[in-house]
PDB file of N, CA and C in Angstrom:
ATOM      1  N   MET A   1      -9.767 -19.765  -1.843  1.00  0.00           N
ATOM      2  CA  MET A   1     -10.538 -19.855  -0.615  1.00  0.00           C
ATOM      3  C   MET A   1      -9.543 -20.668   0.370  1.00  0.00           C
ATOM      4  N   ARG A   2      -9.553 -20.122   1.619  1.00  0.00           N
ATOM      5  CA  ARG A   2      -8.898 -20.836   2.711  1.00  0.00           C
ATOM      6  C   ARG A   2      -9.825 -21.519   3.505  1.00  0.00           C
ATOM      7  N   LYS A   3      -9.406 -22.823   3.920  1.00  0.00           N
ATOM      8  CA  LYS A   3     -10.352 -23.721   4.793  1.00  0.00           C
ATOM      9  C   LYS A   3      -9.529 -23.852   6.010  1.00  0.00           C
ATOM     10  N   PHE A   4     -10.151 -23.850   7.103  1.00  0.00           N
ATOM     11  CA  PHE A   4      -9.487 -24.124   8.367  1.00  0.00           C
ATOM     12  C   PHE A   4     -10.115 -25.370   9.089  1.00  0.00           C
ATOM     13  N   ASN A   5      -9.245 -25.992   9.915  1.00  0.00           N
ATOM     14  CA  ASN A   5      -9.627 -27.270  10.525  1.00  0.00           C
ATOM     15  C   ASN A   5     -10.931 -27.145  11.410  1.00  0.00           C
ATOM     16  N   THR A   6     -11.340 -25.920  11.663  1.00  0.00           N
ATOM     17  CA  THR A   6     -12.464 -25.686  12.444  1.00  0.00           C
ATOM     18  C   THR A   6     -13.820 -25.692  11.499  1.00  0.00           C
ATOM     19  N   GLY A   7     -13.554 -25.718  10.230  1.00  0.00           N
ATOM     20  CA  GLY A   7     -14.575 -25.696   9.274  1.00  0.00           C
ATOM     21  C   GLY A   7     -14.889 -24.289   8.768  1.00  0.00           C
ATOM     22  N   GLY A   8     -14.177 -23.236   9.287  1.00  0.00           N
ATOM     23  CA  GLY A   8     -14.327 -21.889   8.913  1.00  0.00           C
ATOM     24  C   GLY A   8     -13.638 -21.698   7.541  1.00  0.00           C
ATOM     25  N   THR A   9     -14.138 -20.692   6.877  1.00  0.00           N
ATOM     26  CA  THR A   9     -13.501 -20.466   5.562  1.00  0.00           C
ATOM     27  C   THR A   9     -13.363 -18.862   5.462  1.00  0.00           C
ATOM     28  N   ARG A  10     -12.398 -18.513   4.661  1.00  0.00           N
ATOM     29  CA  ARG A  10     -11.993 -17.105   4.414  1.00  0.00           C
ATOM     30  C   ARG A  10     -11.496 -16.944   2.892  1.00  0.00           C
ATOM     31  N   ASP A  11     -11.677 -15.810   2.326  1.00  0.00           N
ATOM     32  CA  ASP A  11     -11.082 -15.626   1.088  1.00  0.00           C
ATOM     33  C   ASP A  11      -9.540 -15.645   1.215  1.00  0.00           C
ATOM     34  N   ASP A  12      -8.923 -15.984   0.133  1.00  0.00           N
ATOM     35  CA  ASP A  12      -7.462 -16.090   0.253  1.00  0.00           C
ATOM     36  C   ASP A  12      -6.959 -14.605   0.386  1.00  0.00           C
ATOM     37  N   CYS A  13      -5.738 -14.453   0.824  1.00  0.00           N
ATOM     38  CA  CYS A  13      -5.199 -13.046   0.848  1.00  0.00           C
ATOM     39  C   CYS A  13      -4.002 -12.708  -0.032  1.00  0.00           C
ATOM     40  N   ASP A  14      -3.928 -13.524  -1.075  1.00  0.00           N
ATOM     41  CA  ASP A  14      -2.769 -13.407  -2.033  1.00  0.00           C
ATOM     42  C   ASP A  14      -2.649 -12.065  -2.575  1.00  0.00           C
ATOM     43  N   ASN A  15      -3.783 -11.463  -2.879  1.00  0.00           N
ATOM     44  CA  ASN A  15      -3.829 -10.059  -3.642  1.00  0.00           C
ATOM     45  C   ASN A  15      -4.236  -8.876  -2.776  1.00  0.00           C
ATOM     46  N   LYS A  16      -4.037  -9.068  -1.450  1.00  0.00           N
ATOM     47  CA  LYS A  16      -4.416  -7.948  -0.548  1.00  0.00           C
ATOM     48  C   LYS A  16      -3.117  -7.461   0.293  1.00  0.00           C
ATOM     49  N   PRO A  17      -3.093  -6.162   0.418  1.00  0.00           N
ATOM     50  CA  PRO A  17      -1.895  -5.650   1.224  1.00  0.00           C
ATOM     51  C   PRO A  17      -1.795  -6.317   2.582  1.00  0.00           C
ATOM     52  N   ASP A  18      -0.614  -6.673   2.924  1.00  0.00           N
ATOM     53  CA  ASP A  18      -0.338  -7.437   4.306  1.00  0.00           C
ATOM     54  C   ASP A  18       0.230  -6.211   5.134  1.00  0.00           C
ATOM     55  N   PHE A  19      -0.661  -5.371   5.767  1.00  0.00           N
ATOM     56  CA  PHE A  19      -0.086  -4.291   6.612  1.00  0.00           C
ATOM     57  C   PHE A  19       0.669  -4.907   7.777  1.00  0.00           C
ATOM     58  N   GLU A  20       0.226  -5.925   8.370  1.00  0.00           N
ATOM     59  CA  GLU A  20       0.939  -6.543   9.509  1.00  0.00           C
ATOM     60  C   GLU A  20       2.330  -6.893   9.220  1.00  0.00           C
ATOM     61  N   SER A  21       2.475  -7.379   8.125  1.00  0.00           N
ATOM     62  CA  SER A  21       3.955  -7.753   7.667  1.00  0.00           C
ATOM     63  C   SER A  21       4.725  -6.444   7.147  1.00  0.00           C
ATOM     64  N   PHE A  22       4.186  -5.513   6.463  1.00  0.00           N
ATOM     65  CA  PHE A  22       4.746  -4.294   5.910  1.00  0.00           C
ATOM     66  C   PHE A  22       5.253  -3.326   6.926  1.00  0.00           C
ATOM     67  N   LEU A  23       4.616  -3.314   8.055  1.00  0.00           N
ATOM     68  CA  LEU A  23       4.889  -2.289   9.109  1.00  0.00           C
ATOM     69  C   LEU A  23       5.515  -2.946  10.407  1.00  0.00           C
ATOM     70  N   SER A  24       6.261  -2.173  10.994  1.00  0.00           N
ATOM     71  CA  SER A  24       7.014  -2.688  12.293  1.00  0.00           C
ATOM     72  C   SER A  24       6.306  -2.057  13.425  1.00  0.00           C
ATOM     73  N   PRO A  25       5.671  -2.784  14.432  1.00  0.00           N
ATOM     74  CA  PRO A  25       5.161  -2.231  15.604  1.00  0.00           C
ATOM     75  C   PRO A  25       6.113  -1.449  16.473  1.00  0.00           C
ATOM     76  N   LEU A  26       7.347  -1.886  16.441  1.00  0.00           N
ATOM     77  CA  LEU A  26       8.427  -1.152  17.082  1.00  0.00           C
ATOM     78  C   LEU A  26       8.576   0.276  16.565  1.00  0.00           C
ATOM     79  N   VAL A  27       8.592   0.351  15.162  1.00  0.00           N
ATOM     80  CA  VAL A  27       8.814   1.765  14.689  1.00  0.00           C
ATOM     81  C   VAL A  27       7.614   2.508  14.777  1.00  0.00           C
ATOM     82  N   ILE A  28       6.433   1.960  14.637  1.00  0.00           N
ATOM     83  CA  ILE A  28       5.187   2.670  14.765  1.00  0.00           C
ATOM     84  C   ILE A  28       5.057   3.330  16.272  1.00  0.00           C
ATOM     85  N   GLN A  29       5.400   2.425  17.221  1.00  0.00           N
ATOM     86  CA  GLN A  29       5.355   2.868  18.650  1.00  0.00           C
ATOM     87  C   GLN A  29       6.317   4.041  18.809  1.00  0.00           C
ATOM     88  N   LYS A  30       7.545   3.938  18.364  1.00  0.00           N
ATOM     89  CA  LYS A  30       8.438   5.014  18.663  1.00  0.00           C
ATOM     90  C   LYS A  30       8.009   6.360  17.862  1.00  0.00           C
ATOM     91  N   TYR A  31       7.438   6.124  16.661  1.00  0.00           N
ATOM     92  CA  TYR A  31       7.052   7.261  15.913  1.00  0.00           C
ATOM     93  C   TYR A  31       5.747   8.038  16.594  1.00  0.00           C
ATOM     94  N   ALA A  32       4.881   7.172  17.102  1.00  0.00           N
ATOM     95  CA  ALA A  32       3.774   7.829  17.880  1.00  0.00           C
ATOM     96  C   ALA A  32       4.249   8.531  19.126  1.00  0.00           C
ATOM     97  N   GLU A  33       5.333   7.981  19.744  1.00  0.00           N
ATOM     98  CA  GLU A  33       5.851   8.683  21.005  1.00  0.00           C
ATOM     99  C   GLU A  33       6.372   9.986  20.444  1.00  0.00           C
ATOM    100  N   TYR A  34       7.205   9.988  19.402  1.00  0.00           N
ATOM    101  CA  TYR A  34       7.733  11.217  18.869  1.00  0.00           C
ATOM    102  C   TYR A  34       6.764  12.175  18.467  1.00  0.00           C
ATOM    103  N   MET A  35       5.768  11.864  17.845  1.00  0.00           N
ATOM    104  CA  MET A  35       4.621  12.659  17.474  1.00  0.00           C
ATOM    105  C   MET A  35       3.926  13.211  18.615  1.00  0.00           C
ATOM    106  N   HIS A  36       3.674  12.428  19.684  1.00  0.00           N
ATOM    107  CA  HIS A  36       2.907  12.935  20.823  1.00  0.00           C
ATOM    108  C   HIS A  36       3.797  13.942  21.629  1.00  0.00           C
ATOM    109  N   LYS A  37       5.091  13.695  21.778  1.00  0.00           N
ATOM    110  CA  LYS A  37       6.012  14.656  22.311  1.00  0.00           C
ATOM    111  C   LYS A  37       6.042  15.940  21.668  1.00  0.00           C
ATOM    112  N   ASN A  38       5.833  15.947  20.249  1.00  0.00           N
ATOM    113  CA  ASN A  38       5.941  17.156  19.486  1.00  0.00           C
ATOM    114  C   ASN A  38       4.626  17.835  19.346  1.00  0.00           C
ATOM    115  N   ARG A  39       3.601  17.342  20.094  1.00  0.00           N
ATOM    116  CA  ARG A  39       2.309  18.027  19.977  1.00  0.00           C
ATOM    117  C   ARG A  39       2.308  19.254  20.892  1.00  0.00           C
ATOM    118  N   LYS A  40       3.172  19.404  21.916  1.00  0.00           N
ATOM    119  CA  LYS A  40       3.039  20.461  22.842  1.00  0.00           C
ATOM    120  C   LYS A  40       3.841  21.719  22.087  1.00  0.00           C
ATOM    121  N   MET A  41       3.156  22.704  22.090  1.00  0.00           N
ATOM    122  CA  MET A  41       3.540  24.067  21.417  1.00  0.00           C
ATOM    123  C   MET A  41       4.489  24.776  22.480  1.00  0.00           C
ATOM    124  N   LYS A  42       5.160  25.811  21.976  1.00  0.00           N
ATOM    125  CA  LYS A  42       6.054  26.643  22.844  1.00  0.00           C
ATOM    126  C   LYS A  42       5.227  27.377  23.873  1.00  0.00           C
ATOM    127  N   ASP A  43       3.912  27.675  23.644  1.00  0.00           N
ATOM    128  CA  ASP A  43       3.078  28.451  24.543  1.00  0.00           C
ATOM    129  C   ASP A  43       2.400  27.472  25.537  1.00  0.00           C
ATOM    130  N   GLY A  44       2.649  26.138  25.385  1.00  0.00           N
ATOM    131  CA  GLY A  44       2.008  25.268  26.360  1.00  0.00           C
ATOM    132  C   GLY A  44       0.752  24.474  25.847  1.00  0.00           C
ATOM    133  N   THR A  45       0.211  24.968  24.888  1.00  0.00           N
ATOM    134  CA  THR A  45      -0.940  24.282  24.241  1.00  0.00           C
ATOM    135  C   THR A  45      -0.600  23.063  23.498  1.00  0.00           C
ATOM    136  N   ILE A  46      -1.717  22.150  23.412  1.00  0.00           N
ATOM    137  CA  ILE A  46      -1.390  20.902  22.834  1.00  0.00           C
ATOM    138  C   ILE A  46      -2.194  20.946  21.532  1.00  0.00           C
ATOM    139  N   ARG A  47      -1.564  20.712  20.358  1.00  0.00           N
ATOM    140  CA  ARG A  47      -2.337  20.520  19.054  1.00  0.00           C
ATOM    141  C   ARG A  47      -2.928  19.201  18.919  1.00  0.00           C
ATOM    142  N   ASP A  48      -3.876  19.095  18.092  1.00  0.00           N
ATOM    143  CA  ASP A  48      -4.367  17.877  17.781  1.00  0.00           C
ATOM    144  C   ASP A  48      -3.412  16.961  17.047  1.00  0.00           C
ATOM    145  N   GLY A  49      -3.410  15.623  17.324  1.00  0.00           N
ATOM    146  CA  GLY A  49      -2.487  14.702  16.793  1.00  0.00           C
ATOM    147  C   GLY A  49      -2.602  14.686  15.237  1.00  0.00           C
ATOM    148  N   ASP A  50      -3.701  15.012  14.694  1.00  0.00           N
ATOM    149  CA  ASP A  50      -3.724  14.918  13.103  1.00  0.00           C
ATOM    150  C   ASP A  50      -3.577  16.369  12.570  1.00  0.00           C
ATOM    151  N   ASN A  51      -3.189  17.365  13.354  1.00  0.00           N
ATOM    152  CA  ASN A  51      -2.945  18.697  12.935  1.00  0.00           C
ATOM    153  C   ASN A  51      -2.189  18.795  11.629  1.00  0.00           C
ATOM    154  N   TRP A  52      -1.129  17.918  11.510  1.00  0.00           N
ATOM    155  CA  TRP A  52      -0.209  18.022  10.388  1.00  0.00           C
ATOM    156  C   TRP A  52      -0.930  17.713   9.034  1.00  0.00           C
ATOM    157  N   GLN A  53      -2.009  17.050   9.131  1.00  0.00           N
ATOM    158  CA  GLN A  53      -2.714  16.750   7.863  1.00  0.00           C
ATOM    159  C   GLN A  53      -3.587  17.915   7.169  1.00  0.00           C
ATOM    160  N   LYS A  54      -3.532  18.970   7.975  1.00  0.00           N
ATOM    161  CA  LYS A  54      -4.094  20.217   7.429  1.00  0.00           C
ATOM    162  C   LYS A  54      -3.193  20.827   6.356  1.00  0.00           C
ATOM    163  N   GLY A  55      -1.849  20.516   6.475  1.00  0.00           N
ATOM    164  CA  GLY A  55      -0.904  21.024   5.459  1.00  0.00           C
ATOM    165  C   GLY A  55      -0.318  22.302   6.008  1.00  0.00           C
ATOM    166  N   PHE A  56       0.678  22.795   5.250  1.00  0.00           N
ATOM    167  CA  PHE A  56       1.368  23.915   5.599  1.00  0.00           C
ATOM    168  C   PHE A  56       1.356  25.087   4.483  1.00  0.00           C
ATOM    169  N   GLY A  57       0.192  25.187   3.991  1.00  0.00           N
ATOM    170  CA  GLY A  57      -0.199  26.212   3.026  1.00  0.00           C
ATOM    171  C   GLY A  57       0.555  26.134   1.703  1.00  0.00           C
ATOM    172  N   ASP A  58       0.724  27.304   1.040  1.00  0.00           N
ATOM    173  CA  ASP A  58       1.366  27.244  -0.290  1.00  0.00           C
ATOM    174  C   ASP A  58       2.698  26.950  -0.346  1.00  0.00           C
ATOM    175  N   LYS A  59       3.440  26.900   0.828  1.00  0.00           N
ATOM    176  CA  LYS A  59       4.827  26.421   0.868  1.00  0.00           C
ATOM    177  C   LYS A  59       4.920  24.956   1.504  1.00  0.00           C
ATOM    178  N   HIS A  60       3.879  24.178   1.477  1.00  0.00           N
ATOM    179  CA  HIS A  60       3.926  22.844   2.113  1.00  0.00           C
ATOM    180  C   HIS A  60       5.040  22.097   1.702  1.00  0.00           C
ATOM    181  N   TYR A  61       5.255  21.816   0.377  1.00  0.00           N
ATOM    182  CA  TYR A  61       6.313  20.904  -0.051  1.00  0.00           C
ATOM    183  C   TYR A  61       7.708  21.436   0.243  1.00  0.00           C
ATOM    184  N   ASP A  62       7.898  22.872   0.159  1.00  0.00           N
ATOM    185  CA  ASP A  62       9.205  23.401   0.609  1.00  0.00           C
ATOM    186  C   ASP A  62       9.447  23.292   2.104  1.00  0.00           C
ATOM    187  N   VAL A  63       8.360  23.512   2.945  1.00  0.00           N
ATOM    188  CA  VAL A  63       8.511  23.280   4.369  1.00  0.00           C
ATOM    189  C   VAL A  63       8.909  21.861   4.700  1.00  0.00           C
ATOM    190  N   CYS A  64       8.279  20.919   4.123  1.00  0.00           N
ATOM    191  CA  CYS A  64       8.692  19.488   4.347  1.00  0.00           C
ATOM    192  C   CYS A  64       9.899  19.179   3.835  1.00  0.00           C
ATOM    193  N   MET A  65      10.341  19.651   2.645  1.00  0.00           N
ATOM    194  CA  MET A  65      11.671  19.262   2.060  1.00  0.00           C
ATOM    195  C   MET A  65      12.801  19.842   2.886  1.00  0.00           C
ATOM    196  N   LYS A  66      12.523  21.212   3.341  1.00  0.00           N
ATOM    197  CA  LYS A  66      13.716  21.803   4.172  1.00  0.00           C
ATOM    198  C   LYS A  66      13.879  21.124   5.514  1.00  0.00           C
ATOM    199  N   SER A  67      12.821  20.702   6.072  1.00  0.00           N
ATOM    200  CA  SER A  67      12.886  20.098   7.443  1.00  0.00           C
ATOM    201  C   SER A  67      13.414  18.599   7.128  1.00  0.00           C
ATOM    202  N   LEU A  68      12.900  17.959   6.120  1.00  0.00           N
ATOM    203  CA  LEU A  68      13.419  16.604   5.741  1.00  0.00           C
ATOM    204  C   LEU A  68      15.000  16.599   5.620  1.00  0.00           C
ATOM    205  N   TRP A  69      15.442  17.573   4.965  1.00  0.00           N
ATOM    206  CA  TRP A  69      16.900  17.674   4.713  1.00  0.00           C
ATOM    207  C   TRP A  69      17.697  17.857   6.145  1.00  0.00           C
ATOM    208  N   ARG A  70      17.135  18.735   6.953  1.00  0.00           N
ATOM    209  CA  ARG A  70      17.788  18.947   8.273  1.00  0.00           C
ATOM    210  C   ARG A  70      17.778  17.636   9.069  1.00  0.00           C
ATOM    211  N   HIS A  71      16.623  16.854   9.096  1.00  0.00           N
ATOM    212  CA  HIS A  71      16.600  15.636   9.896  1.00  0.00           C
ATOM    213  C   HIS A  71      17.531  14.597   9.213  1.00  0.00           C
ATOM    214  N   PHE A  72      17.595  14.567   7.786  1.00  0.00           N
ATOM    215  CA  PHE A  72      18.537  13.670   7.056  1.00  0.00           C
ATOM    216  C   PHE A  72      19.983  13.947   7.471  1.00  0.00           C
ATOM    217  N   PHE A  73      20.255  15.279   7.460  1.00  0.00           N
ATOM    218  CA  PHE A  73      21.559  15.668   7.813  1.00  0.00           C
ATOM    219  C   PHE A  73      21.972  15.099   9.228  1.00  0.00           C
ATOM    220  N   ASP A  74      21.085  15.345  10.228  1.00  0.00           N
ATOM    221  CA  ASP A  74      21.273  14.786  11.568  1.00  0.00           C
ATOM    222  C   ASP A  74      21.504  13.353  11.567  1.00  0.00           C
ATOM    223  N   MET A  75      20.703  12.483  10.835  1.00  0.00           N
ATOM    224  CA  MET A  75      20.916  11.056  10.712  1.00  0.00           C
ATOM    225  C   MET A  75      22.267  10.814   9.991  1.00  0.00           C
ATOM    226  N   TRP A  76      22.640  11.515   9.077  1.00  0.00           N
ATOM    227  CA  TRP A  76      23.900  11.318   8.462  1.00  0.00           C
ATOM    228  C   TRP A  76      24.999  11.549   9.475  1.00  0.00           C
ATOM    229  N   MET A  77      24.948  12.635  10.317  1.00  0.00           N
ATOM    230  CA  MET A  77      25.951  12.972  11.121  1.00  0.00           C
ATOM    231  C   MET A  77      26.082  11.905  12.251  1.00  0.00           C
ATOM    232  N   GLU A  78      24.987  11.292  12.662  1.00  0.00           N
ATOM    233  CA  GLU A  78      24.992  10.167  13.651  1.00  0.00           C
ATOM    234  C   GLU A  78      25.621   8.965  13.006  1.00  0.00           C
ATOM    235  N   HIS A  79      25.210   8.700  11.789  1.00  0.00           N
ATOM    236  CA  HIS A  79      25.760   7.558  11.028  1.00  0.00           C
ATOM    237  C   HIS A  79      27.223   7.586  10.881  1.00  0.00           C
ATOM    238  N   ARG A  80      27.813   8.811  10.782  1.00  0.00           N
ATOM    239  CA  ARG A  80      29.260   9.006  10.705  1.00  0.00           C
ATOM    240  C   ARG A  80      29.899   9.188  12.022  1.00  0.00           C
ATOM    241  N   GLY A  81      29.181   8.857  13.004  1.00  0.00           N
ATOM    242  CA  GLY A  81      29.811   8.890  14.392  1.00  0.00           C
ATOM    243  C   GLY A  81      29.883  10.298  15.015  1.00  0.00           C
ATOM    244  N   ASN A  82      29.146  11.239  14.539  1.00  0.00           N
ATOM    245  CA  ASN A  82      29.046  12.613  15.048  1.00  0.00           C
ATOM    246  C   ASN A  82      27.822  12.812  15.849  1.00  0.00           C
ATOM    247  N   ASN A  83      27.841  13.732  16.733  1.00  0.00           N
ATOM    248  CA  ASN A  83      26.674  14.205  17.410  1.00  0.00           C
ATOM    249  C   ASN A  83      25.742  15.057  16.524  1.00  0.00           C
ATOM    250  N   SER A  84      24.533  15.054  16.645  1.00  0.00           N
ATOM    251  CA  SER A  84      23.536  15.791  15.886  1.00  0.00           C
ATOM    252  C   SER A  84      22.692  16.651  16.897  1.00  0.00           C
ATOM    253  N   ARG A  85      21.828  17.401  16.295  1.00  0.00           N
ATOM    254  CA  ARG A  85      21.056  18.391  17.203  1.00  0.00           C
ATOM    255  C   ARG A  85      20.253  17.592  18.265  1.00  0.00           C
ATOM    256  N   GLU A  86      19.583  16.457  17.798  1.00  0.00           N
ATOM    257  CA  GLU A  86      18.680  15.854  18.791  1.00  0.00           C
ATOM    258  C   GLU A  86      18.928  14.314  18.857  1.00  0.00           C
ATOM    259  N   GLY A  87      19.784  13.743  18.074  1.00  0.00           N
ATOM    260  CA  GLY A  87      20.006  12.273  18.199  1.00  0.00           C
ATOM    261  C   GLY A  87      19.411  11.551  17.122  1.00  0.00           C
ATOM    262  N   LEU A  88      19.833  10.325  16.952  1.00  0.00           N
ATOM    263  CA  LEU A  88      19.397   9.456  15.750  1.00  0.00           C
ATOM    264  C   LEU A  88      17.958   9.150  15.827  1.00  0.00           C
ATOM    265  N   GLU A  89      17.332   8.716  16.869  1.00  0.00           N
ATOM    266  CA  GLU A  89      16.001   8.507  16.884  1.00  0.00           C
ATOM    267  C   GLU A  89      15.073   9.624  16.444  1.00  0.00           C
ATOM    268  N   SER A  90      15.295  10.764  16.880  1.00  0.00           N
ATOM    269  CA  SER A  90      14.663  12.009  16.529  1.00  0.00           C
ATOM    270  C   SER A  90      14.831  12.317  15.189  1.00  0.00           C
ATOM    271  N   ALA A  91      16.033  12.127  14.669  1.00  0.00           N
ATOM    272  CA  ALA A  91      16.245  12.332  13.128  1.00  0.00           C
ATOM    273  C   ALA A  91      15.422  11.443  12.371  1.00  0.00           C
ATOM    274  N   ILE A  92      15.475  10.077  12.677  1.00  0.00           N
ATOM    275  CA  ILE A  92      14.729   9.103  11.842  1.00  0.00           C
ATOM    276  C   ILE A  92      13.235   9.577  11.909  1.00  0.00           C
ATOM    277  N   ASN A  93      12.667   9.783  13.135  1.00  0.00           N
ATOM    278  CA  ASN A  93      11.323  10.192  13.210  1.00  0.00           C
ATOM    279  C   ASN A  93      10.891  11.488  12.437  1.00  0.00           C
ATOM    280  N   GLY A  94      11.742  12.377  12.503  1.00  0.00           N
ATOM    281  CA  GLY A  94      11.546  13.616  11.750  1.00  0.00           C
ATOM    282  C   GLY A  94      11.609  13.285  10.204  1.00  0.00           C
ATOM    283  N   ILE A  95      12.378  12.411   9.778  1.00  0.00           N
ATOM    284  CA  ILE A  95      12.286  12.010   8.390  1.00  0.00           C
ATOM    285  C   ILE A  95      11.090  11.369   7.968  1.00  0.00           C
ATOM    286  N   LEU A  96      10.685  10.283   8.766  1.00  0.00           N
ATOM    287  CA  LEU A  96       9.346   9.731   8.710  1.00  0.00           C
ATOM    288  C   LEU A  96       8.232  10.771   8.578  1.00  0.00           C
ATOM    289  N   PHE A  97       8.214  11.719   9.596  1.00  0.00           N
ATOM    290  CA  PHE A  97       7.155  12.713   9.606  1.00  0.00           C
ATOM    291  C   PHE A  97       6.988  13.613   8.215  1.00  0.00           C
ATOM    292  N   ASN A  98       8.201  14.107   7.998  1.00  0.00           N
ATOM    293  CA  ASN A  98       8.221  14.997   6.789  1.00  0.00           C
ATOM    294  C   ASN A  98       7.891  14.156   5.435  1.00  0.00           C
ATOM    295  N   THR A  99       8.358  12.943   5.446  1.00  0.00           N
ATOM    296  CA  THR A  99       8.047  12.122   4.247  1.00  0.00           C
ATOM    297  C   THR A  99       6.477  11.842   4.195  1.00  0.00           C
ATOM    298  N   MET A 100       5.976  11.598   5.288  1.00  0.00           N
ATOM    299  CA  MET A 100       4.547  11.323   5.279  1.00  0.00           C
ATOM    300  C   MET A 100       3.734  12.555   5.018  1.00  0.00           C
ATOM    301  N   ALA A 101       4.138  13.731   5.656  1.00  0.00           N
ATOM    302  CA  ALA A 101       3.422  14.941   5.334  1.00  0.00           C
ATOM    303  C   ALA A 101       3.499  15.406   3.923  1.00  0.00           C
ATOM    304  N   TYR A 102       4.692  15.172   3.316  1.00  0.00           N
ATOM    305  CA  TYR A 102       4.790  15.502   1.840  1.00  0.00           C
ATOM    306  C   TYR A 102       3.978  14.527   1.052  1.00  0.00           C
ATOM    307  N   TYR A 103       4.012  13.271   1.312  1.00  0.00           N
ATOM    308  CA  TYR A 103       3.280  12.218   0.486  1.00  0.00           C
ATOM    309  C   TYR A 103       1.836  12.445   0.769  1.00  0.00           C
ATOM    310  N   HIS A 104       1.401  12.606   1.969  1.00  0.00           N
ATOM    311  CA  HIS A 104       0.035  12.844   2.356  1.00  0.00           C
ATOM    312  C   HIS A 104      -0.619  13.996   1.472  1.00  0.00           C
ATOM    313  N   GLN A 105       0.109  15.171   1.334  1.00  0.00           N
ATOM    314  CA  GLN A 105      -0.397  16.281   0.624  1.00  0.00           C
ATOM    315  C   GLN A 105      -0.480  15.934  -0.930  1.00  0.00           C
ATOM    316  N   TYR A 106       0.571  15.222  -1.352  1.00  0.00           N
ATOM    317  CA  TYR A 106       0.757  14.844  -2.851  1.00  0.00           C
ATOM    318  C   TYR A 106      -0.523  13.982  -3.099  1.00  0.00           C
ATOM    319  N   LEU A 107      -0.829  13.014  -2.359  1.00  0.00           N
ATOM    320  CA  LEU A 107      -1.950  12.029  -2.584  1.00  0.00           C
ATOM    321  C   LEU A 107      -3.258  12.718  -2.434  1.00  0.00           C
ATOM    322  N   LYS A 108      -3.432  13.717  -1.575  1.00  0.00           N
ATOM    323  CA  LYS A 108      -4.585  14.515  -1.462  1.00  0.00           C
ATOM    324  C   LYS A 108      -4.862  15.312  -2.788  1.00  0.00           C
ATOM    325  N   GLU A 109      -3.786  15.910  -3.303  1.00  0.00           N
ATOM    326  CA  GLU A 109      -3.867  16.782  -4.504  1.00  0.00           C
ATOM    327  C   GLU A 109      -4.232  15.810  -5.774  1.00  0.00           C
ATOM    328  N   LYS A 110      -3.585  14.653  -5.700  1.00  0.00           N
ATOM    329  CA  LYS A 110      -3.935  13.696  -6.918  1.00  0.00           C
ATOM    330  C   LYS A 110      -5.302  13.239  -6.798  1.00  0.00           C
ATOM    331  N   GLY A 111      -6.021  13.284  -5.670  1.00  0.00           N
ATOM    332  CA  GLY A 111      -7.339  12.803  -5.623  1.00  0.00           C
ATOM    333  C   GLY A 111      -7.385  11.273  -5.691  1.00  0.00           C
ATOM    334  N   GLY A 112      -6.379  10.575  -5.213  1.00  0.00           N
ATOM    335  CA  GLY A 112      -6.323   9.117  -5.127  1.00  0.00           C
ATOM    336  C   GLY A 112      -6.141   8.530  -6.457  1.00  0.00           C
ATOM    337  N   LYS A 113      -5.725   9.250  -7.503  1.00  0.00           N
ATOM    338  CA  LYS A 113      -5.461   8.660  -8.783  1.00  0.00           C
ATOM    339  C   LYS A 113      -4.009   8.077  -8.897  1.00  0.00           C
ATOM    340  N   ASP A 114      -3.940   6.893  -9.536  1.00  0.00           N
ATOM    341  CA  ASP A 114      -2.594   6.316  -9.714  1.00  0.00           C
ATOM    342  C   ASP A 114      -1.754   7.057 -10.638  1.00  0.00           C
ATOM    343  N   GLU A 115      -0.481   6.904 -10.561  1.00  0.00           N
ATOM    344  CA  GLU A 115       0.449   7.598 -11.473  1.00  0.00           C
ATOM    345  C   GLU A 115       0.389   6.975 -12.747  1.00  0.00           C
TER     346      GLU A 115
END
């Protein structure tokens, strides 16, 4: 139990996930900007921000893996001092997106069960 000089008390947080420490607001902001930019479709329509959570059908994992590798390759090119298709930030955000889409589907299929 934590006690504060105001007299307030709270449970301790030793065994609770510390989201505020584990995540970077700078990264989350840039990722959200990347995702927002990519909501616009070629025909001009805007897809819902959570559209990706619907998955990519029976090829979901293949789609994510192939795109993840393209973005990883772009990041590697930039790391080695070469130009890539869309630059370093886009590559990193593409890696984050595909990793989350892959993992999201995996967790949904597992039904929240631990490994």
